[in-house]
């Protein structure tokens, strides 16, 4: 399954306390994320140049080059009873252009 490089990272309490987005949405409320060692994956490109989406409309989903990989990961998640919401990322691979002189 294609995925960006991963690592275990330490998330400090100060970061959790001062970052409003570090919360888990629960059925009846929210809970702050826990500090400590966490799973992390690298951003798939340069943040200044690469836009990442967690949802694509059907017409754009049909244009995904490795759609078979996507469906395989989705089936695997269902088979292993992975119940968390959307955890896929879609991004356009930017081709590097060089100019010759």
PDB file of N, CA and C in Angstrom:
ATOM      1  N   UNK A   1       0.834  -1.179   0.000  1.00  0.00           N
ATOM      2  CA  UNK A   1       0.000   0.000   0.000  1.00  0.00           C
ATOM      3  C   UNK A   1       0.879   1.242   0.000  1.00  0.00           C
ATOM      4  N   UNK A   2       0.716   2.096  -0.966  1.00  0.00           N
ATOM      5  CA  UNK A   2       1.537   3.304  -0.999  1.00  0.00           C
ATOM      6  C   UNK A   2       1.213   4.238   0.157  1.00  0.00           C
ATOM      7  N   UNK A   3       2.242   4.732   0.782  1.00  0.00           N
ATOM      8  CA  UNK A   3       2.053   5.665   1.909  1.00  0.00           C
ATOM      9  C   UNK A   3       3.319   6.488   2.071  1.00  0.00           C
ATOM     10  N   UNK A   4       3.180   7.706   2.595  1.00  0.00           N
ATOM     11  CA  UNK A   4       4.388   8.490   2.860  1.00  0.00           C
ATOM     12  C   UNK A   4       5.211   7.844   3.963  1.00  0.00           C
ATOM     13  N   UNK A   5       6.484   8.202   4.072  1.00  0.00           N
ATOM     14  CA  UNK A   5       7.323   7.675   5.158  1.00  0.00           C
ATOM     15  C   UNK A   5       6.688   7.979   6.525  1.00  0.00           C
ATOM     16  N   UNK A   6       6.869   7.051   7.468  1.00  0.00           N
ATOM     17  CA  UNK A   6       6.268   7.190   8.798  1.00  0.00           C
ATOM     18  C   UNK A   6       7.345   7.196   9.871  1.00  0.00           C
ATOM     19  N   UNK A   7       6.968   7.671  11.062  1.00  0.00           N
ATOM     20  CA  UNK A   7       7.870   7.684  12.206  1.00  0.00           C
ATOM     21  C   UNK A   7       7.039   7.806  13.477  1.00  0.00           C
ATOM     22  N   UNK A   8       7.631   7.428  14.577  1.00  0.00           N
ATOM     23  CA  UNK A   8       7.029   7.680  15.883  1.00  0.00           C
ATOM     24  C   UNK A   8       7.547   9.041  16.334  1.00  0.00           C
ATOM     25  N   UNK A   9       6.634   9.931  16.701  1.00  0.00           N
ATOM     26  CA  UNK A   9       7.006  11.282  17.107  1.00  0.00           C
ATOM     27  C   UNK A   9       6.487  11.558  18.507  1.00  0.00           C
ATOM     28  N   UNK A  10       7.193  12.418  19.222  1.00  0.00           N
ATOM     29  CA  UNK A  10       6.734  12.804  20.558  1.00  0.00           C
ATOM     30  C   UNK A  10       5.911  14.081  20.455  1.00  0.00           C
ATOM     31  N   UNK A  11       4.687  14.006  20.963  1.00  0.00           N
ATOM     32  CA  UNK A  11       3.805  15.174  21.021  1.00  0.00           C
ATOM     33  C   UNK A  11       3.792  15.638  22.468  1.00  0.00           C
ATOM     34  N   UNK A  12       4.214  16.854  22.696  1.00  0.00           N
ATOM     35  CA  UNK A  12       4.318  17.374  24.063  1.00  0.00           C
ATOM     36  C   UNK A  12       3.000  17.971  24.539  1.00  0.00           C
ATOM     37  N   UNK A  13       2.816  17.965  25.831  1.00  0.00           N
ATOM     38  CA  UNK A  13       1.601  18.493  26.458  1.00  0.00           C
ATOM     39  C   UNK A  13       1.348  19.948  26.067  1.00  0.00           C
ATOM     40  N   UNK A  14       2.413  20.737  25.965  1.00  0.00           N
ATOM     41  CA  UNK A  14       2.266  22.146  25.602  1.00  0.00           C
ATOM     42  C   UNK A  14       1.646  22.303  24.209  1.00  0.00           C
ATOM     43  N   UNK A  15       2.035  21.433  23.292  1.00  0.00           N
ATOM     44  CA  UNK A  15       1.477  21.488  21.940  1.00  0.00           C
ATOM     45  C   UNK A  15      -0.015  21.164  21.958  1.00  0.00           C
ATOM     46  N   UNK A  16      -0.394  20.135  22.698  1.00  0.00           N
ATOM     47  CA  UNK A  16      -1.812  19.764  22.808  1.00  0.00           C
ATOM     48  C   UNK A  16      -2.603  20.906  23.432  1.00  0.00           C
ATOM     49  N   UNK A  17      -2.068  21.502  24.477  1.00  0.00           N
ATOM     50  CA  UNK A  17      -2.779  22.564  25.191  1.00  0.00           C
ATOM     51  C   UNK A  17      -2.975  23.816  24.346  1.00  0.00           C
ATOM     52  N   UNK A  18      -2.058  24.071  23.413  1.00  0.00           N
ATOM     53  CA  UNK A  18      -2.105  25.314  22.637  1.00  0.00           C
ATOM     54  C   UNK A  18      -2.519  25.122  21.180  1.00  0.00           C
ATOM     55  N   UNK A  19      -3.029  23.936  20.824  1.00  0.00           N
ATOM     56  CA  UNK A  19      -3.457  23.667  19.446  1.00  0.00           C
ATOM     57  C   UNK A  19      -4.903  23.209  19.459  1.00  0.00           C
ATOM     58  N   UNK A  20      -5.792  24.096  19.036  1.00  0.00           N
ATOM     59  CA  UNK A  20      -7.237  23.818  19.093  1.00  0.00           C
ATOM     60  C   UNK A  20      -7.639  22.601  18.255  1.00  0.00           C
ATOM     61  N   UNK A  21      -6.896  22.292  17.191  1.00  0.00           N
ATOM     62  CA  UNK A  21      -7.262  21.162  16.331  1.00  0.00           C
ATOM     63  C   UNK A  21      -6.847  19.803  16.889  1.00  0.00           C
ATOM     64  N   UNK A  22      -6.076  19.762  17.963  1.00  0.00           N
ATOM     65  CA  UNK A  22      -5.655  18.483  18.529  1.00  0.00           C
ATOM     66  C   UNK A  22      -6.720  17.946  19.490  1.00  0.00           C
ATOM     67  N   UNK A  23      -7.877  17.638  18.930  1.00  0.00           N
ATOM     68  CA  UNK A  23      -8.989  17.068  19.687  1.00  0.00           C
ATOM     69  C   UNK A  23      -9.587  15.921  18.899  1.00  0.00           C
ATOM     70  N   UNK A  24     -10.222  15.004  19.605  1.00  0.00           N
ATOM     71  CA  UNK A  24     -10.953  13.896  18.985  1.00  0.00           C
ATOM     72  C   UNK A  24     -12.437  14.201  19.088  1.00  0.00           C
ATOM     73  N   UNK A  25     -13.138  14.102  17.970  1.00  0.00           N
ATOM     74  CA  UNK A  25     -14.585  14.280  17.977  1.00  0.00           C
ATOM     75  C   UNK A  25     -15.206  12.971  18.451  1.00  0.00           C
ATOM     76  N   UNK A  26     -15.970  13.034  19.527  1.00  0.00           N
ATOM     77  CA  UNK A  26     -16.636  11.860  20.079  1.00  0.00           C
ATOM     78  C   UNK A  26     -18.129  11.974  19.820  1.00  0.00           C
ATOM     79  N   UNK A  27     -18.845  10.906  20.059  1.00  0.00           N
ATOM     80  CA  UNK A  27     -20.288  10.925  19.836  1.00  0.00           C
ATOM     81  C   UNK A  27     -20.990  12.044  20.570  1.00  0.00           C
ATOM     82  N   UNK A  28     -20.558  12.329  21.770  1.00  0.00           N
ATOM     83  CA  UNK A  28     -21.208  13.365  22.581  1.00  0.00           C
ATOM     84  C   UNK A  28     -20.212  14.375  23.112  1.00  0.00           C
ATOM     85  N   UNK A  29     -19.349  14.846  22.264  1.00  0.00           N
ATOM     86  CA  UNK A  29     -18.414  15.859  22.718  1.00  0.00           C
ATOM     87  C   UNK A  29     -17.056  15.711  22.077  1.00  0.00           C
ATOM     88  N   UNK A  30     -16.081  16.307  22.731  1.00  0.00           N
ATOM     89  CA  UNK A  30     -14.707  16.312  22.244  1.00  0.00           C
ATOM     90  C   UNK A  30     -13.767  15.985  23.397  1.00  0.00           C
ATOM     91  N   UNK A  31     -12.640  15.399  23.063  1.00  0.00           N
ATOM     92  CA  UNK A  31     -11.616  15.105  24.061  1.00  0.00           C
ATOM     93  C   UNK A  31     -10.266  15.509  23.488  1.00  0.00           C
ATOM     94  N   UNK A  32      -9.410  16.140  24.290  1.00  0.00           N
ATOM     95  CA  UNK A  32      -8.087  16.519  23.773  1.00  0.00           C
ATOM     96  C   UNK A  32      -7.254  15.274  23.457  1.00  0.00           C
ATOM     97  N   UNK A  33      -6.404  15.389  22.469  1.00  0.00           N
ATOM     98  CA  UNK A  33      -5.478  14.301  22.153  1.00  0.00           C
ATOM     99  C   UNK A  33      -4.505  14.139  23.311  1.00  0.00           C
ATOM    100  N   UNK A  34      -3.929  12.971  23.426  1.00  0.00           N
ATOM    101  CA  UNK A  34      -2.977  12.703  24.501  1.00  0.00           C
ATOM    102  C   UNK A  34      -1.565  13.058  24.066  1.00  0.00           C
ATOM    103  N   UNK A  35      -0.830  13.589  24.993  1.00  0.00           N
ATOM    104  CA  UNK A  35       0.591  13.835  24.751  1.00  0.00           C
ATOM    105  C   UNK A  35       1.324  12.499  24.826  1.00  0.00           C
ATOM    106  N   UNK A  36       2.523  12.460  24.266  1.00  0.00           N
ATOM    107  CA  UNK A  36       3.326  11.242  24.316  1.00  0.00           C
ATOM    108  C   UNK A  36       3.724  10.795  22.920  1.00  0.00           C
ATOM    109  N   UNK A  37       4.153   9.546  22.808  1.00  0.00           N
ATOM    110  CA  UNK A  37       4.581   9.015  21.522  1.00  0.00           C
ATOM    111  C   UNK A  37       3.362   8.738  20.650  1.00  0.00           C
ATOM    112  N   UNK A  38       3.423   9.198  19.390  1.00  0.00           N
ATOM    113  CA  UNK A  38       2.311   9.068  18.450  1.00  0.00           C
ATOM    114  C   UNK A  38       2.841   8.625  17.092  1.00  0.00           C
ATOM    115  N   UNK A  39       1.951   8.053  16.295  1.00  0.00           N
ATOM    116  CA  UNK A  39       2.272   7.688  14.919  1.00  0.00           C
ATOM    117  C   UNK A  39       2.215   8.938  14.064  1.00  0.00           C
ATOM    118  N   UNK A  40       3.185   9.131  13.221  1.00  0.00           N
ATOM    119  CA  UNK A  40       3.175  10.286  12.325  1.00  0.00           C
ATOM    120  C   UNK A  40       3.592   9.874  10.929  1.00  0.00           C
ATOM    121  N   UNK A  41       3.075  10.570   9.927  1.00  0.00           N
ATOM    122  CA  UNK A  41       3.505  10.331   8.557  1.00  0.00           C
ATOM    123  C   UNK A  41       3.899  11.666   7.928  1.00  0.00           C
ATOM    124  N   UNK A  42       4.828  11.581   7.019  1.00  0.00           N
ATOM    125  CA  UNK A  42       5.367  12.771   6.363  1.00  0.00           C
ATOM    126  C   UNK A  42       4.321  13.365   5.418  1.00  0.00           C
ATOM    127  N   UNK A  43       4.313  14.668   5.312  1.00  0.00           N
ATOM    128  CA  UNK A  43       3.454  15.356   4.349  1.00  0.00           C
ATOM    129  C   UNK A  43       3.929  14.951   2.954  1.00  0.00           C
ATOM    130  N   UNK A  44       3.020  14.610   2.050  1.00  0.00           N
ATOM    131  CA  UNK A  44       3.440  14.050   0.750  1.00  0.00           C
ATOM    132  C   UNK A  44       3.903  15.097  -0.263  1.00  0.00           C
ATOM    133  N   UNK A  45       4.842  15.904   0.104  1.00  0.00           N
ATOM    134  CA  UNK A  45       5.353  16.930  -0.799  1.00  0.00           C
ATOM    135  C   UNK A  45       5.708  18.169  -0.015  1.00  0.00           C
ATOM    136  N   UNK A  46       5.884  19.246  -0.720  1.00  0.00           N
ATOM    137  CA  UNK A  46       6.167  20.518  -0.082  1.00  0.00           C
ATOM    138  C   UNK A  46       4.844  21.180   0.295  1.00  0.00           C
ATOM    139  N   UNK A  47       4.636  21.541   1.560  1.00  0.00           N
ATOM    140  CA  UNK A  47       3.372  22.183   1.945  1.00  0.00           C
ATOM    141  C   UNK A  47       3.062  23.445   1.148  1.00  0.00           C
ATOM    142  N   UNK A  48       4.074  24.123   0.645  1.00  0.00           N
ATOM    143  CA  UNK A  48       3.841  25.334  -0.152  1.00  0.00           C
ATOM    144  C   UNK A  48       3.344  25.004  -1.556  1.00  0.00           C
ATOM    145  N   UNK A  49       3.617  23.780  -2.027  1.00  0.00           N
ATOM    146  CA  UNK A  49       3.289  23.418  -3.405  1.00  0.00           C
ATOM    147  C   UNK A  49       2.251  22.305  -3.549  1.00  0.00           C
ATOM    148  N   UNK A  50       2.002  21.533  -2.507  1.00  0.00           N
ATOM    149  CA  UNK A  50       1.139  20.361  -2.601  1.00  0.00           C
ATOM    150  C   UNK A  50      -0.092  20.545  -1.734  1.00  0.00           C
ATOM    151  N   UNK A  51      -1.254  20.455  -2.354  1.00  0.00           N
ATOM    152  CA  UNK A  51      -2.520  20.522  -1.622  1.00  0.00           C
ATOM    153  C   UNK A  51      -3.005  19.094  -1.394  1.00  0.00           C
ATOM    154  N   UNK A  52      -3.386  18.772  -0.163  1.00  0.00           N
ATOM    155  CA  UNK A  52      -3.860  17.437   0.188  1.00  0.00           C
ATOM    156  C   UNK A  52      -5.348  17.514   0.507  1.00  0.00           C
ATOM    157  N   UNK A  53      -6.111  16.573  -0.026  1.00  0.00           N
ATOM    158  CA  UNK A  53      -7.556  16.512   0.202  1.00  0.00           C
ATOM    159  C   UNK A  53      -7.886  15.213   0.918  1.00  0.00           C
ATOM    160  N   UNK A  54      -8.885  15.240   1.803  1.00  0.00           N
ATOM    161  CA  UNK A  54      -9.328  13.996   2.437  1.00  0.00           C
ATOM    162  C   UNK A  54     -10.624  13.485   1.815  1.00  0.00           C
ATOM    163  N   UNK A  55     -11.140  14.208   0.829  1.00  0.00           N
ATOM    164  CA  UNK A  55     -12.369  13.802   0.151  1.00  0.00           C
ATOM    165  C   UNK A  55     -12.312  14.282  -1.291  1.00  0.00           C
ATOM    166  N   UNK A  56     -12.768  13.434  -2.198  1.00  0.00           N
ATOM    167  CA  UNK A  56     -12.881  13.827  -3.600  1.00  0.00           C
ATOM    168  C   UNK A  56     -14.291  13.511  -4.078  1.00  0.00           C
ATOM    169  N   UNK A  57     -14.906  14.398  -4.845  1.00  0.00           N
ATOM    170  CA  UNK A  57     -16.186  14.069  -5.474  1.00  0.00           C
ATOM    171  C   UNK A  57     -16.010  12.890  -6.442  1.00  0.00           C
ATOM    172  N   UNK A  58     -17.100  12.161  -6.712  1.00  0.00           N
ATOM    173  CA  UNK A  58     -17.021  10.969  -7.563  1.00  0.00           C
ATOM    174  C   UNK A  58     -16.313  11.217  -8.883  1.00  0.00           C
ATOM    175  N   UNK A  59     -16.627  12.348  -9.544  1.00  0.00           N
ATOM    176  CA  UNK A  59     -16.015  12.593 -10.852  1.00  0.00           C
ATOM    177  C   UNK A  59     -14.499  12.763 -10.747  1.00  0.00           C
ATOM    178  N   UNK A  60     -13.989  13.315  -9.658  1.00  0.00           N
ATOM    179  CA  UNK A  60     -12.539  13.438  -9.477  1.00  0.00           C
ATOM    180  C   UNK A  60     -11.936  12.124  -8.993  1.00  0.00           C
ATOM    181  N   UNK A  61     -12.685  11.354  -8.213  1.00  0.00           N
ATOM    182  CA  UNK A  61     -12.182  10.066  -7.727  1.00  0.00           C
ATOM    183  C   UNK A  61     -11.869   9.144  -8.900  1.00  0.00           C
ATOM    184  N   UNK A  62     -12.643   9.230  -9.962  1.00  0.00           N
ATOM    185  CA  UNK A  62     -12.410   8.398 -11.146  1.00  0.00           C
ATOM    186  C   UNK A  62     -11.085   8.727 -11.831  1.00  0.00           C
ATOM    187  N   UNK A  63     -10.527   9.889 -11.564  1.00  0.00           N
ATOM    188  CA  UNK A  63      -9.269  10.299 -12.191  1.00  0.00           C
ATOM    189  C   UNK A  63      -8.032   9.873 -11.402  1.00  0.00           C
ATOM    190  N   UNK A  64      -8.216   9.288 -10.218  1.00  0.00           N
ATOM    191  CA  UNK A  64      -7.088   8.862  -9.386  1.00  0.00           C
ATOM    192  C   UNK A  64      -6.327   7.754 -10.108  1.00  0.00           C
ATOM    193  N   UNK A  65      -5.016   7.927 -10.254  1.00  0.00           N
ATOM    194  CA  UNK A  65      -4.205   6.981 -11.016  1.00  0.00           C
ATOM    195  C   UNK A  65      -4.086   5.621 -10.347  1.00  0.00           C
ATOM    196  N   UNK A  66      -4.004   5.576  -9.030  1.00  0.00           N
ATOM    197  CA  UNK A  66      -3.857   4.292  -8.337  1.00  0.00           C
ATOM    198  C   UNK A  66      -5.145   3.941  -7.582  1.00  0.00           C
ATOM    199  N   UNK A  67      -6.263   4.024  -8.277  1.00  0.00           N
ATOM    200  CA  UNK A  67      -7.565   3.762  -7.658  1.00  0.00           C
ATOM    201  C   UNK A  67      -7.659   2.337  -7.122  1.00  0.00           C
ATOM    202  N   UNK A  68      -7.002   1.385  -7.788  1.00  0.00           N
ATOM    203  CA  UNK A  68      -6.991   0.006  -7.289  1.00  0.00           C
ATOM    204  C   UNK A  68      -6.371  -0.092  -5.902  1.00  0.00           C
ATOM    205  N   UNK A  69      -5.294   0.674  -5.662  1.00  0.00           N
ATOM    206  CA  UNK A  69      -4.674   0.702  -4.330  1.00  0.00           C
ATOM    207  C   UNK A  69      -5.643   1.262  -3.304  1.00  0.00           C
ATOM    208  N   UNK A  70      -6.357   2.324  -3.689  1.00  0.00           N
ATOM    209  CA  UNK A  70      -7.330   2.936  -2.785  1.00  0.00           C
ATOM    210  C   UNK A  70      -8.395   1.919  -2.387  1.00  0.00           C
ATOM    211  N   UNK A  71      -8.980   1.230  -3.369  1.00  0.00           N
ATOM    212  CA  UNK A  71     -10.029   0.251  -3.053  1.00  0.00           C
ATOM    213  C   UNK A  71      -9.468  -0.896  -2.211  1.00  0.00           C
ATOM    214  N   UNK A  72      -8.239  -1.316  -2.490  1.00  0.00           N
ATOM    215  CA  UNK A  72      -7.624  -2.376  -1.693  1.00  0.00           C
ATOM    216  C   UNK A  72      -7.454  -1.968  -0.240  1.00  0.00           C
ATOM    217  N   UNK A  73      -7.027  -0.719  -0.008  1.00  0.00           N
ATOM    218  CA  UNK A  73      -6.872  -0.235   1.372  1.00  0.00           C
ATOM    219  C   UNK A  73      -8.226  -0.119   2.059  1.00  0.00           C
ATOM    220  N   UNK A  74      -9.250   0.329   1.316  1.00  0.00           N
ATOM    221  CA  UNK A  74     -10.584   0.447   1.894  1.00  0.00           C
ATOM    222  C   UNK A  74     -11.116  -0.925   2.308  1.00  0.00           C
ATOM    223  N   UNK A  75     -10.953  -1.918   1.448  1.00  0.00           N
ATOM    224  CA  UNK A  75     -11.398  -3.282   1.778  1.00  0.00           C
ATOM    225  C   UNK A  75     -10.628  -3.803   2.986  1.00  0.00           C
ATOM    226  N   UNK A  76      -9.308  -3.572   3.037  1.00  0.00           N
ATOM    227  CA  UNK A  76      -8.508  -4.011   4.176  1.00  0.00           C
ATOM    228  C   UNK A  76      -9.006  -3.366   5.469  1.00  0.00           C
ATOM    229  N   UNK A  77      -9.272  -2.059   5.446  1.00  0.00           N
ATOM    230  CA  UNK A  77      -9.796  -1.365   6.629  1.00  0.00           C
ATOM    231  C   UNK A  77     -11.103  -1.987   7.099  1.00  0.00           C
ATOM    232  N   UNK A  78     -11.999  -2.270   6.181  1.00  0.00           N
ATOM    233  CA  UNK A  78     -13.284  -2.875   6.554  1.00  0.00           C
ATOM    234  C   UNK A  78     -13.077  -4.283   7.107  1.00  0.00           C
ATOM    235  N   UNK A  79     -12.183  -5.042   6.494  1.00  0.00           N
ATOM    236  CA  UNK A  79     -11.925  -6.419   6.925  1.00  0.00           C
ATOM    237  C   UNK A  79     -11.345  -6.460   8.338  1.00  0.00           C
ATOM    238  N   UNK A  80     -10.496  -5.465   8.676  1.00  0.00           N
ATOM    239  CA  UNK A  80      -9.892  -5.423  10.007  1.00  0.00           C
ATOM    240  C   UNK A  80     -10.743  -4.633  11.008  1.00  0.00           C
ATOM    241  N   UNK A  81     -11.962  -4.259  10.584  1.00  0.00           N
ATOM    242  CA  UNK A  81     -12.907  -3.534  11.447  1.00  0.00           C
ATOM    243  C   UNK A  81     -12.364  -2.180  11.890  1.00  0.00           C
ATOM    244  N   UNK A  82     -11.607  -1.531  11.038  1.00  0.00           N
ATOM    245  CA  UNK A  82     -11.126  -0.180  11.326  1.00  0.00           C
ATOM    246  C   UNK A  82     -12.334   0.745  11.270  1.00  0.00           C
ATOM    247  N   UNK A  83     -12.675   1.340  12.385  1.00  0.00           N
ATOM    248  CA  UNK A  83     -13.920   2.115  12.462  1.00  0.00           C
ATOM    249  C   UNK A  83     -13.720   3.617  12.455  1.00  0.00           C
ATOM    250  N   UNK A  84     -12.455   4.088  12.438  1.00  0.00           N
ATOM    251  CA  UNK A  84     -12.302   5.540  12.401  1.00  0.00           C
ATOM    252  C   UNK A  84     -12.704   6.049  11.021  1.00  0.00           C
ATOM    253  N   UNK A  85     -13.024   7.327  10.960  1.00  0.00           N
ATOM    254  CA  UNK A  85     -13.529   7.913   9.719  1.00  0.00           C
ATOM    255  C   UNK A  85     -12.482   7.970   8.631  1.00  0.00           C
ATOM    256  N   UNK A  86     -12.700   8.854   7.699  1.00  0.00           N
ATOM    257  CA  UNK A  86     -11.804   8.996   6.559  1.00  0.00           C
ATOM    258  C   UNK A  86     -10.374   9.221   7.007  1.00  0.00           C
ATOM    259  N   UNK A  87      -9.475   8.401   6.514  1.00  0.00           N
ATOM    260  CA  UNK A  87      -8.059   8.565   6.828  1.00  0.00           C
ATOM    261  C   UNK A  87      -7.222   8.490   5.564  1.00  0.00           C
ATOM    262  N   UNK A  88      -7.853   8.681   4.427  1.00  0.00           N
ATOM    263  CA  UNK A  88      -7.093   8.671   3.188  1.00  0.00           C
ATOM    264  C   UNK A  88      -6.724  10.098   2.813  1.00  0.00           C
ATOM    265  N   UNK A  89      -5.687  10.202   2.009  1.00  0.00           N
ATOM    266  CA  UNK A  89      -5.244  11.504   1.532  1.00  0.00           C
ATOM    267  C   UNK A  89      -5.090  11.430   0.025  1.00  0.00           C
ATOM    268  N   UNK A  90      -5.554  12.449  -0.646  1.00  0.00           N
ATOM    269  CA  UNK A  90      -5.416  12.541  -2.092  1.00  0.00           C
ATOM    270  C   UNK A  90      -4.593  13.786  -2.399  1.00  0.00           C
ATOM    271  N   UNK A  91      -3.642  13.640  -3.300  1.00  0.00           N
ATOM    272  CA  UNK A  91      -2.857  14.790  -3.710  1.00  0.00           C
ATOM    273  C   UNK A  91      -2.377  14.569  -5.131  1.00  0.00           C
ATOM    274  N   UNK A  92      -2.118  15.655  -5.812  1.00  0.00           N
ATOM    275  CA  UNK A  92      -1.651  15.589  -7.186  1.00  0.00           C
ATOM    276  C   UNK A  92      -0.133  15.595  -7.177  1.00  0.00           C
ATOM    277  N   UNK A  93       0.435  14.656  -7.877  1.00  0.00           N
ATOM    278  CA  UNK A  93       1.884  14.589  -7.982  1.00  0.00           C
ATOM    279  C   UNK A  93       2.319  15.648  -8.981  1.00  0.00           C
ATOM    280  N   UNK A  94       3.160  16.538  -8.512  1.00  0.00           N
ATOM    281  CA  UNK A  94       3.661  17.615  -9.366  1.00  0.00           C
ATOM    282  C   UNK A  94       4.878  17.106 -10.127  1.00  0.00           C
ATOM    283  N   UNK A  95       4.836  17.263 -11.438  1.00  0.00           N
ATOM    284  CA  UNK A  95       5.993  16.879 -12.241  1.00  0.00           C
ATOM    285  C   UNK A  95       7.044  17.972 -12.171  1.00  0.00           C
ATOM    286  N   UNK A  96       8.266  17.570 -12.034  1.00  0.00           N
ATOM    287  CA  UNK A  96       9.361  18.542 -12.011  1.00  0.00           C
ATOM    288  C   UNK A  96       9.788  18.814 -13.447  1.00  0.00           C
ATOM    289  N   UNK A  97       9.790  20.060 -13.797  1.00  0.00           N
ATOM    290  CA  UNK A  97      10.216  20.452 -15.144  1.00  0.00           C
ATOM    291  C   UNK A  97      11.580  21.108 -15.055  1.00  0.00           C
ATOM    292  N   UNK A  98      12.446  20.691 -15.935  1.00  0.00           N
ATOM    293  CA  UNK A  98      13.760  21.304 -15.984  1.00  0.00           C
ATOM    294  C   UNK A  98      13.912  21.982 -17.339  1.00  0.00           C
ATOM    295  N   UNK A  99      14.657  23.013 -17.349  1.00  0.00           N
ATOM    296  CA  UNK A  99      14.914  23.707 -18.608  1.00  0.00           C
ATOM    297  C   UNK A  99      16.352  23.494 -18.988  1.00  0.00           C
ATOM    298  N   UNK A 100      16.553  23.172 -20.236  1.00  0.00           N
ATOM    299  CA  UNK A 100      17.926  22.972 -20.724  1.00  0.00           C
ATOM    300  C   UNK A 100      18.430  24.247 -21.376  1.00  0.00           C
ATOM    301  N   UNK A 101      19.692  24.473 -21.288  1.00  0.00           N
ATOM    302  CA  UNK A 101      20.278  25.677 -21.902  1.00  0.00           C
ATOM    303  C   UNK A 101      21.396  25.255 -22.804  1.00  0.00           C
TER     304      UNK A 101
END
